[in-house]
Amino acid sequence: MMSMQQGGKISVVEKIGYGFGDGASNLIWMTFIYFQLNFYTDVYGLAAGALATMLLITRTWDMFIDVIIGMTADRTKTRWGKFRPYLLWLAVPFGVIAVLTFTTPSFSDHGKLIYAYVTLSLMMVVYSGINIPYGALMGVLSADSQERTSLASWRFSFAFGAGLFVQYFTLKLVTLFGHGNQQVGYQLAIGLYAALAVAMFLVTFVTTRERVQPMQVKQTSTGRDLLDLVTNVPWLVLCLLGIAQVCFVAIRGAAVIYYFKYYIGNVDAAPLFLLVGALMSLAGTFLIQYVTPYTGRKNAFIGLMLVSAADLVASYWVKPDQMGLLYFYNIVYCLLTGPTSALLWAMFADAADYSEWKTGRRATGLVFSASGMSNKFGWVIGGALSATLLAVTGFHANVVQTEHAQEGIRILMALAPAIGTIVCGLGMAAYTLSEAKMKTIHAELAARRAQQGA
């Protein structure tokens, strides 16, 4: 096994290997963000109202599973570590259930609704089962804050790279594989993504090593772990910000296909639009690691969010024939908001260190379960709000939309996500773990571990 000090440098090879894991996850996750709503209404055949109810139910109950998974991962002990084994154990189930979720069965409408409930619920559970340990893994690869920011940048560079692939190629692959049958096309396209995801998760398992060991303390109770969690103020702030962030990303992501199909009038133009946006997100995510040493992560996050809000509001007034202006606003939006996920994830690792420093107990998996909960709850709110607004503005699939319905789609594309970015930017003011404070915390933790021979 590779040896390294807990706070030492991580090789580029390992950073790339770690990044593969989020690339794997986002081959499926970004498909959900950008295409699931449209798949369920225009391909699968669900009404927008029924879809909104389903999203609320299936995505809410399993958020509590995230906490259980986080605590279970913290208590896992294998020769591979606490978190890496889940990548090995759950990679194949993750791929299989993803394909089932985008499969349209030959059932009655009632049967199809039940099938959608079951498969989406299973997808959310297995997504948590592999992604909470994967996220927590960053907290034990290194104890150095800047290395974690670098890891997060590499991770989200791969995430946006996968998103780039998904956004540009999904509709093209659906057409290629389906030969006019979108139901078959989606099933086969997701089958390809699932196979790639399984392979990439296994690469992450092979190339990473867990190094940061917790101080030796007696096993604590579940109740004590949960009490530590809910009294961790930085964690609470990050969790709420994560909900708001994923909410606005989900709203705008779901709106893109509807926007081009029913407002612009050319759905074939959507892949290039998505591709350009993904490239800008990728560029912003990779570059942020060179900005935060000067600005700090908190200030960078606030600035990026507030400027992107102004950009979104301005984009609301774009006309269907103003494609150049639409692209300009999208480029600015993606360049600014792309890095914010990486910043949040690096801060979650600091929240785990803060918890250990404060309580003497480390619960990395439980702390990182916040990421899963915030992702899902933001997805719940974003998806349900999107489907609800479509329903109340009179949206009907595969027909010419009324002016009222088009207005709803425009709100989803610009004004609704703008509210989310404002909430995120202002909310970050409540986060208190500065870079200077984290240096002090890391120094004290290192001294405690040294006393125990860790």
Protein backbone atom coordinates (compact mmCIF):
# COMPACT_ATOMS: atom_id res chain seq x y z
CA MET A 1 0.00 0.00 0.00
CA MET A 2 1.22 3.49 -0.87
CA SER A 3 2.56 5.40 2.10
CA MET A 4 2.06 9.12 2.68
CA GLN A 5 1.62 11.50 5.52
CA GLN A 6 -1.97 12.31 6.24
CA GLY A 7 -1.56 15.89 5.08
CA GLY A 8 0.90 15.23 2.23
CA LYS A 9 0.63 15.70 -1.49
CA ILE A 10 -1.51 13.35 -3.55
CA SER A 11 -0.25 12.18 -6.93
CA VAL A 12 -1.95 13.28 -10.12
CA VAL A 13 -2.68 9.63 -10.91
CA GLU A 14 -4.66 9.23 -7.71
CA LYS A 15 -6.49 12.52 -8.26
CA ILE A 16 -7.48 11.33 -11.72
CA GLY A 17 -8.54 7.97 -10.29
CA TYR A 18 -10.65 9.71 -7.68
CA GLY A 19 -12.16 11.93 -10.36
CA PHE A 20 -13.27 8.87 -12.32
CA GLY A 21 -15.73 8.10 -9.54
CA ASP A 22 -17.67 11.31 -9.98
CA GLY A 23 -17.45 10.90 -13.73
CA ALA A 24 -19.15 7.52 -13.26
CA SER A 25 -21.85 8.94 -11.03
CA ASN A 26 -22.59 11.86 -13.32
CA LEU A 27 -23.05 9.73 -16.41
CA ILE A 28 -26.30 8.77 -14.69
CA TRP A 29 -26.93 11.79 -12.45
CA MET A 30 -26.70 14.32 -15.28
CA THR A 31 -29.03 12.20 -17.36
CA PHE A 32 -31.55 12.53 -14.53
CA ILE A 33 -30.95 16.28 -14.22
CA TYR A 34 -31.33 17.10 -17.91
CA PHE A 35 -33.51 14.38 -19.39
CA GLN A 36 -35.51 12.54 -16.73
CA LEU A 37 -38.42 14.98 -16.54
CA ASN A 38 -38.74 15.10 -20.32
CA PHE A 39 -38.34 11.31 -20.54
CA TYR A 40 -41.19 10.73 -18.08
CA THR A 41 -43.59 13.21 -19.72
CA ASP A 42 -42.79 12.95 -23.45
CA VAL A 43 -41.46 9.37 -23.78
CA TYR A 44 -42.65 7.28 -20.82
CA GLY A 45 -46.10 8.92 -20.82
CA LEU A 46 -46.66 10.27 -17.30
CA ALA A 47 -48.78 13.36 -16.71
CA ALA A 48 -46.90 16.31 -15.20
CA GLY A 49 -49.09 16.30 -12.08
CA ALA A 50 -48.57 12.59 -11.41
CA LEU A 51 -44.85 13.06 -12.03
CA ALA A 52 -44.60 15.86 -9.45
CA THR A 53 -46.24 13.65 -6.81
CA MET A 54 -43.98 10.71 -7.65
CA LEU A 55 -40.83 12.80 -7.40
CA LEU A 56 -41.85 14.11 -3.98
CA ILE A 57 -42.60 10.65 -2.62
CA THR A 58 -39.73 8.65 -4.10
CA ARG A 59 -37.06 11.24 -3.41
CA THR A 60 -38.11 12.20 0.10
CA TRP A 61 -38.37 8.94 2.01
CA ASP A 62 -34.97 7.63 0.98
CA MET A 63 -33.17 10.76 2.22
CA PHE A 64 -33.32 9.13 5.64
CA ILE A 65 -31.50 6.16 4.13
CA ASP A 66 -28.56 8.51 3.54
CA VAL A 67 -27.97 8.95 7.27
CA ILE A 68 -28.04 5.19 7.80
CA ILE A 69 -25.58 4.65 4.96
CA GLY A 70 -23.26 7.33 6.34
CA MET A 71 -23.21 5.78 9.82
CA THR A 72 -22.78 2.29 8.38
CA ALA A 73 -19.82 3.41 6.28
CA ASP A 74 -18.20 5.01 9.34
CA ARG A 75 -18.43 1.67 11.12
CA THR A 76 -17.19 -0.40 8.18
CA LYS A 77 -13.78 -2.04 8.64
CA THR A 78 -12.19 -4.00 5.81
CA ARG A 79 -8.68 -4.49 4.46
CA TRP A 80 -9.63 -1.90 1.80
CA GLY A 81 -10.71 0.71 4.34
CA LYS A 82 -14.07 2.17 5.33
CA PHE A 83 -15.31 3.77 2.13
CA ARG A 84 -13.52 2.23 -0.86
CA PRO A 85 -15.26 -1.19 -0.56
CA TYR A 86 -18.65 0.32 -1.43
CA LEU A 87 -17.32 1.23 -4.87
CA LEU A 88 -16.53 -2.43 -5.46
CA TRP A 89 -19.71 -3.83 -3.95
CA LEU A 90 -22.28 -1.49 -5.53
CA ALA A 91 -20.87 -0.57 -8.95
CA VAL A 92 -22.77 -3.29 -10.82
CA PRO A 93 -26.13 -2.81 -8.98
CA PHE A 94 -25.81 0.92 -9.71
CA GLY A 95 -25.49 0.24 -13.44
CA VAL A 96 -28.26 -2.33 -13.63
CA ILE A 97 -30.84 -0.26 -11.77
CA ALA A 98 -30.00 2.83 -13.84
CA VAL A 99 -30.96 0.92 -16.99
CA LEU A 100 -34.19 -0.32 -15.40
CA THR A 101 -35.12 3.25 -14.43
CA PHE A 102 -34.99 4.36 -18.08
CA THR A 103 -36.81 1.28 -19.36
CA THR A 104 -40.44 1.67 -20.47
CA PRO A 105 -42.39 -1.54 -19.72
CA SER A 106 -45.41 -2.73 -21.70
CA PHE A 107 -47.78 -2.18 -18.78
CA SER A 108 -51.03 -0.31 -18.32
CA ASP A 109 -50.80 3.32 -17.25
CA HIS A 110 -51.29 2.27 -13.63
CA GLY A 111 -48.68 -0.47 -13.94
CA LYS A 112 -46.20 1.92 -15.54
CA LEU A 113 -46.69 4.38 -12.69
CA ILE A 114 -45.98 1.66 -10.11
CA TYR A 115 -42.92 0.53 -12.09
CA ALA A 116 -41.64 4.12 -12.15
CA TYR A 117 -42.12 4.44 -8.38
CA VAL A 118 -40.23 1.19 -7.70
CA THR A 119 -37.30 1.71 -10.06
CA LEU A 120 -36.76 5.35 -9.13
CA SER A 121 -36.84 4.46 -5.42
CA LEU A 122 -34.27 1.70 -5.93
CA MET A 123 -32.11 4.06 -7.98
CA MET A 124 -32.05 6.61 -5.19
CA VAL A 125 -31.03 4.00 -2.61
CA VAL A 126 -28.20 2.54 -4.66
CA TYR A 127 -27.08 6.03 -5.66
CA SER A 128 -26.70 6.90 -1.98
CA GLY A 129 -25.08 3.56 -1.24
CA ILE A 130 -22.19 4.23 -3.58
CA ASN A 131 -21.96 8.03 -3.58
CA ILE A 132 -21.96 8.77 0.15
CA PRO A 133 -18.90 6.55 0.73
CA TYR A 134 -17.34 7.96 -2.45
CA GLY A 135 -17.81 11.52 -1.20
CA ALA A 136 -16.52 10.64 2.27
CA LEU A 137 -13.44 9.10 0.65
CA MET A 138 -12.14 12.60 -0.14
CA GLY A 139 -12.02 13.34 3.59
CA VAL A 140 -9.60 10.46 4.24
CA LEU A 141 -7.33 10.75 1.20
CA SER A 142 -5.59 13.80 2.71
CA ALA A 143 -6.02 16.15 5.66
CA ASP A 144 -4.63 19.15 3.78
CA SER A 145 -7.31 21.74 2.87
CA GLN A 146 -5.63 22.86 -0.36
CA GLU A 147 -5.15 19.25 -1.45
CA ARG A 148 -8.84 18.69 -0.83
CA THR A 149 -9.68 21.72 -2.95
CA SER A 150 -7.46 20.26 -5.67
CA LEU A 151 -9.14 16.87 -5.30
CA ALA A 152 -12.54 18.52 -5.52
CA SER A 153 -11.46 20.37 -8.65
CA TRP A 154 -10.29 17.17 -10.31
CA ARG A 155 -13.40 15.38 -9.15
CA PHE A 156 -15.79 17.95 -10.51
CA SER A 157 -13.76 18.34 -13.68
CA PHE A 158 -14.56 14.69 -14.36
CA ALA A 159 -18.13 15.25 -13.21
CA PHE A 160 -18.60 18.06 -15.70
CA GLY A 161 -16.73 16.07 -18.34
CA ALA A 162 -19.27 13.30 -17.92
CA GLY A 163 -22.03 15.88 -17.92
CA LEU A 164 -20.63 17.30 -21.15
CA PHE A 165 -20.78 13.87 -22.75
CA VAL A 166 -24.30 13.24 -21.49
CA GLN A 167 -25.68 16.62 -22.50
CA TYR A 168 -24.31 16.53 -26.01
CA PHE A 169 -24.70 12.87 -26.92
CA THR A 170 -27.82 11.62 -25.11
CA LEU A 171 -30.43 12.77 -27.63
CA LYS A 172 -28.14 11.77 -30.50
CA LEU A 173 -27.65 8.29 -29.01
CA VAL A 174 -31.38 7.94 -28.37
CA THR A 175 -31.99 8.64 -32.05
CA LEU A 176 -29.15 6.37 -33.18
CA PHE A 177 -30.08 3.39 -31.01
CA GLY A 178 -33.84 3.81 -31.17
CA HIS A 179 -34.29 4.23 -34.94
CA GLY A 180 -37.34 6.37 -34.24
CA ASN A 181 -38.37 4.54 -31.05
CA GLN A 182 -37.34 6.79 -28.17
CA GLN A 183 -38.25 4.22 -25.53
CA VAL A 184 -35.73 1.76 -26.95
CA GLY A 185 -33.27 4.55 -27.63
CA TYR A 186 -33.24 5.72 -24.02
CA GLN A 187 -32.86 2.18 -22.67
CA LEU A 188 -29.84 1.44 -24.87
CA ALA A 189 -28.22 4.85 -24.35
CA ILE A 190 -28.43 4.48 -20.57
CA GLY A 191 -27.13 0.93 -20.96
CA LEU A 192 -23.98 2.38 -22.52
CA TYR A 193 -23.63 4.95 -19.74
CA ALA A 194 -24.15 2.29 -17.09
CA ALA A 195 -21.41 0.05 -18.49
CA LEU A 196 -18.98 2.98 -18.53
CA ALA A 197 -19.97 3.96 -14.98
CA VAL A 198 -19.30 0.48 -13.60
CA ALA A 199 -15.82 0.44 -15.15
CA MET A 200 -15.01 3.94 -13.85
CA PHE A 201 -16.09 3.18 -10.28
CA LEU A 202 -13.76 0.17 -10.30
CA VAL A 203 -10.89 2.38 -11.48
CA THR A 204 -11.49 4.66 -8.49
CA PHE A 205 -11.45 1.67 -6.16
CA VAL A 206 -8.12 0.46 -7.53
CA THR A 207 -6.26 3.78 -7.66
CA THR A 208 -7.16 5.41 -4.31
CA ARG A 209 -5.96 4.80 -0.75
CA GLU A 210 -7.42 5.83 2.62
CA ARG A 211 -4.79 7.58 4.76
CA VAL A 212 -6.40 9.84 7.34
CA GLN A 213 -7.09 7.66 10.35
CA PRO A 214 -9.44 8.79 13.14
CA MET A 215 -8.20 9.10 16.68
CA GLN A 216 -8.70 5.93 18.69
CA VAL A 217 -11.88 6.35 20.70
CA LYS A 218 -14.55 4.03 21.94
CA GLN A 219 -17.37 3.23 19.57
CA THR A 220 -20.14 5.75 20.04
CA SER A 221 -23.88 5.31 19.87
CA THR A 222 -26.03 6.23 16.92
CA GLY A 223 -27.78 8.85 19.00
CA ARG A 224 -24.50 10.51 19.98
CA ASP A 225 -23.35 10.55 16.34
CA LEU A 226 -26.59 12.20 15.26
CA LEU A 227 -26.37 14.75 18.10
CA ASP A 228 -22.84 15.62 17.01
CA LEU A 229 -24.12 16.07 13.47
CA VAL A 230 -27.06 18.36 14.17
CA THR A 231 -24.92 20.56 16.47
CA ASN A 232 -22.25 20.95 13.78
CA VAL A 233 -23.20 24.44 12.59
CA PRO A 234 -20.88 24.50 9.53
CA TRP A 235 -22.41 21.19 8.43
CA LEU A 236 -25.93 22.59 8.79
CA VAL A 237 -25.04 25.64 6.71
CA LEU A 238 -23.45 23.54 3.96
CA CYS A 239 -26.38 21.13 3.94
CA LEU A 240 -28.89 23.95 3.42
CA LEU A 241 -26.72 25.55 0.75
CA GLY A 242 -26.40 22.20 -1.01
CA ILE A 243 -30.18 21.87 -1.10
CA ALA A 244 -30.59 25.32 -2.63
CA GLN A 245 -27.79 24.74 -5.13
CA VAL A 246 -29.03 21.40 -6.44
CA CYS A 247 -32.57 22.79 -6.53
CA PHE A 248 -31.70 25.58 -8.96
CA VAL A 249 -29.45 23.29 -11.02
CA ALA A 250 -32.26 20.73 -11.27
CA ILE A 251 -34.84 23.36 -12.24
CA ARG A 252 -32.74 24.88 -15.00
CA GLY A 253 -31.40 21.53 -16.16
CA ALA A 254 -34.89 20.11 -16.54
CA ALA A 255 -36.06 23.23 -18.37
CA VAL A 256 -33.49 23.14 -21.20
CA ILE A 257 -35.14 20.47 -23.37
CA TYR A 258 -38.60 21.98 -22.88
CA TYR A 259 -37.18 25.46 -23.62
CA PHE A 260 -35.69 24.44 -26.95
CA LYS A 261 -38.54 22.15 -27.96
CA TYR A 262 -41.47 24.39 -27.07
CA TYR A 263 -40.08 27.98 -26.90
CA ILE A 264 -37.15 28.13 -29.32
CA GLY A 265 -38.90 25.62 -31.58
CA ASN A 266 -35.82 23.51 -32.38
CA VAL A 267 -34.99 20.69 -29.95
CA ASP A 268 -32.12 19.58 -32.20
CA ALA A 269 -30.26 22.76 -31.17
CA ALA A 270 -30.27 21.74 -27.50
CA PRO A 271 -27.25 19.34 -27.55
CA LEU A 272 -24.82 22.02 -28.78
CA PHE A 273 -26.19 24.50 -26.24
CA LEU A 274 -25.69 21.96 -23.47
CA LEU A 275 -22.23 21.06 -24.76
CA VAL A 276 -21.01 24.66 -24.67
CA GLY A 277 -22.41 25.10 -21.16
CA ALA A 278 -20.75 21.91 -19.95
CA LEU A 279 -17.40 23.03 -21.38
CA MET A 280 -17.67 26.32 -19.52
CA SER A 281 -18.59 24.52 -16.28
CA LEU A 282 -15.62 22.22 -16.75
CA ALA A 283 -13.27 25.17 -17.34
CA GLY A 284 -14.56 27.05 -14.30
CA THR A 285 -14.27 23.99 -12.08
CA PHE A 286 -10.69 23.28 -13.08
CA LEU A 287 -9.59 26.91 -12.73
CA ILE A 288 -11.12 27.54 -9.29
CA GLN A 289 -8.22 25.80 -7.52
CA TYR A 290 -5.97 28.64 -8.72
CA VAL A 291 -8.37 31.32 -7.47
CA THR A 292 -9.17 30.18 -3.92
CA PRO A 293 -5.62 30.66 -2.53
CA TYR A 294 -6.19 34.41 -3.05
CA THR A 295 -9.90 34.80 -2.35
CA GLY A 296 -10.71 31.94 -0.01
CA ARG A 297 -13.45 29.45 -0.81
CA LYS A 298 -16.22 31.31 1.00
CA ASN A 299 -15.68 34.63 -0.78
CA ALA A 300 -15.30 32.90 -4.14
CA PHE A 301 -18.58 31.04 -3.63
CA ILE A 302 -20.50 34.18 -2.65
CA GLY A 303 -19.20 36.22 -5.57
CA LEU A 304 -19.83 33.51 -8.14
CA MET A 305 -23.41 32.96 -7.00
CA LEU A 306 -24.48 36.60 -6.86
CA VAL A 307 -23.06 37.50 -10.27
CA SER A 308 -24.66 34.41 -11.83
CA ALA A 309 -28.04 35.50 -10.41
CA ALA A 310 -27.85 38.78 -12.32
CA ASP A 311 -26.92 36.87 -15.46
CA LEU A 312 -29.94 34.56 -15.13
CA VAL A 313 -32.37 37.42 -14.61
CA ALA A 314 -31.06 39.15 -17.73
CA SER A 315 -31.47 35.94 -19.77
CA TYR A 316 -35.22 35.84 -19.05
CA TRP A 317 -35.90 38.43 -21.77
CA VAL A 318 -34.09 36.58 -24.58
CA LYS A 319 -36.32 36.09 -27.67
CA PRO A 320 -36.46 32.82 -29.66
CA ASP A 321 -34.40 34.33 -32.49
CA GLN A 322 -31.65 35.76 -30.22
CA MET A 323 -29.50 32.65 -30.08
CA GLY A 324 -26.22 34.56 -29.81
CA LEU A 325 -27.44 36.40 -26.71
CA LEU A 326 -28.81 33.17 -25.24
CA TYR A 327 -25.41 31.51 -25.68
CA PHE A 328 -23.63 34.47 -24.08
CA TYR A 329 -25.76 34.34 -20.95
CA ASN A 330 -25.41 30.56 -20.74
CA ILE A 331 -21.62 30.72 -21.05
CA VAL A 332 -21.40 33.25 -18.21
CA TYR A 333 -23.82 31.26 -16.05
CA CYS A 334 -21.99 27.95 -16.48
CA LEU A 335 -18.53 29.45 -16.04
CA LEU A 336 -19.60 31.02 -12.75
CA THR A 337 -21.72 28.25 -11.23
CA GLY A 338 -19.62 25.29 -12.39
CA PRO A 339 -16.99 25.64 -9.61
CA THR A 340 -19.49 26.07 -6.78
CA SER A 341 -20.12 22.34 -6.34
CA ALA A 342 -16.39 21.70 -5.97
CA LEU A 343 -16.15 24.44 -3.35
CA LEU A 344 -19.04 22.99 -1.34
CA TRP A 345 -17.59 19.48 -1.36
CA ALA A 346 -14.19 20.70 -0.17
CA MET A 347 -15.97 22.50 2.67
CA PHE A 348 -17.84 19.31 3.65
CA ALA A 349 -14.45 17.68 4.26
CA ASP A 350 -13.53 20.59 6.53
CA ALA A 351 -16.83 20.15 8.39
CA ALA A 352 -15.82 16.54 9.12
CA ASP A 353 -12.48 17.73 10.53
CA TYR A 354 -14.27 20.37 12.58
CA SER A 355 -16.55 17.71 14.05
CA GLU A 356 -13.59 15.54 15.04
CA TRP A 357 -11.76 18.55 16.51
CA LYS A 358 -14.82 19.58 18.51
CA THR A 359 -16.01 16.18 19.75
CA GLY A 360 -12.94 13.93 19.60
CA ARG A 361 -14.84 11.54 17.34
CA ARG A 362 -14.69 11.34 13.54
CA ALA A 363 -17.78 10.50 11.49
CA THR A 364 -16.73 11.30 7.93
CA GLY A 365 -19.37 9.12 6.28
CA LEU A 366 -22.16 10.63 8.35
CA VAL A 367 -20.98 14.17 7.63
CA PHE A 368 -20.80 13.43 3.92
CA SER A 369 -24.26 11.92 4.00
CA ALA A 370 -25.27 15.58 4.02
CA SER A 371 -24.17 15.75 0.42
CA GLY A 372 -26.52 12.94 -0.49
CA MET A 373 -29.37 14.46 1.47
CA SER A 374 -28.82 17.91 0.03
CA ASN A 375 -28.55 16.48 -3.50
CA LYS A 376 -31.75 14.52 -3.13
CA PHE A 377 -33.75 17.14 -1.30
CA GLY A 378 -32.67 19.79 -3.77
CA TRP A 379 -33.58 17.38 -6.53
CA VAL A 380 -36.93 16.74 -4.81
CA ILE A 381 -37.77 20.42 -4.63
CA GLY A 382 -36.37 21.28 -8.05
CA GLY A 383 -37.99 18.39 -9.86
CA ALA A 384 -41.32 18.74 -8.11
CA LEU A 385 -41.44 22.50 -8.61
CA SER A 386 -40.59 22.09 -12.28
CA ALA A 387 -43.29 19.47 -12.85
CA THR A 388 -45.82 21.47 -10.81
CA LEU A 389 -45.19 24.68 -12.72
CA LEU A 390 -45.54 22.81 -16.01
CA ALA A 391 -48.85 21.40 -14.81
CA VAL A 392 -50.34 24.67 -13.52
CA THR A 393 -49.36 26.61 -16.65
CA GLY A 394 -51.19 24.09 -18.83
CA PHE A 395 -48.31 22.09 -20.30
CA HIS A 396 -49.22 19.05 -22.42
CA ALA A 397 -46.58 16.83 -23.98
CA ASN A 398 -45.83 16.82 -27.70
CA VAL A 399 -48.24 19.61 -28.71
CA VAL A 400 -47.85 23.32 -29.45
CA GLN A 401 -47.81 25.10 -26.08
CA THR A 402 -49.98 28.04 -25.11
CA GLU A 403 -48.37 31.39 -24.30
CA HIS A 404 -49.04 30.70 -20.62
CA ALA A 405 -47.23 27.35 -20.79
CA GLN A 406 -44.29 28.94 -22.61
CA GLU A 407 -44.09 31.57 -19.87
CA GLY A 408 -43.81 28.79 -17.29
CA ILE A 409 -40.94 27.21 -19.23
CA ARG A 410 -39.13 30.58 -19.42
CA ILE A 411 -39.49 31.03 -15.66
CA LEU A 412 -37.97 27.59 -15.11
CA MET A 413 -35.07 28.49 -17.39
CA ALA A 414 -34.17 31.83 -15.78
CA LEU A 415 -36.06 33.38 -12.87
CA ALA A 416 -36.56 30.32 -10.68
CA PRO A 417 -32.87 29.29 -10.73
CA ALA A 418 -31.88 32.94 -10.15
CA ILE A 419 -33.70 32.82 -6.81
CA GLY A 420 -31.68 29.73 -5.91
CA THR A 421 -28.34 31.36 -6.69
CA ILE A 422 -29.23 34.41 -4.58
CA VAL A 423 -30.17 32.20 -1.63
CA CYS A 424 -26.87 30.32 -1.97
CA GLY A 425 -24.76 33.44 -2.21
CA LEU A 426 -26.33 35.17 0.78
CA GLY A 427 -26.52 31.96 2.81
CA MET A 428 -22.77 31.34 2.60
CA ALA A 429 -22.25 34.37 4.86
CA ALA A 430 -23.25 32.10 7.77
CA TYR A 431 -20.35 29.67 7.12
CA THR A 432 -17.62 30.22 9.74
CA LEU A 433 -14.75 27.83 8.89
CA SER A 434 -12.17 30.14 7.34
CA GLU A 435 -8.90 28.90 5.87
CA ALA A 436 -7.01 30.34 8.87
CA LYS A 437 -9.28 28.53 11.33
CA MET A 438 -8.91 25.26 9.43
CA LYS A 439 -5.10 25.52 9.63
CA THR A 440 -5.39 25.74 13.41
CA ILE A 441 -7.82 22.81 13.53
CA HIS A 442 -5.61 20.65 11.33
CA ALA A 443 -2.54 21.41 13.42
CA GLU A 444 -4.34 20.45 16.64
CA LEU A 445 -5.75 17.27 15.11
CA ALA A 446 -2.31 16.27 13.84
CA ALA A 447 -0.87 16.78 17.31
CA ARG A 448 -3.61 14.67 18.91
CA ARG A 449 -3.10 11.86 16.40
CA ALA A 450 0.65 11.98 16.90
CA GLN A 451 0.17 11.49 20.64
CA GLN A 452 -1.81 8.34 19.87
CA GLY A 453 0.69 7.11 17.32
CA ALA A 454 -1.84 7.44 14.48
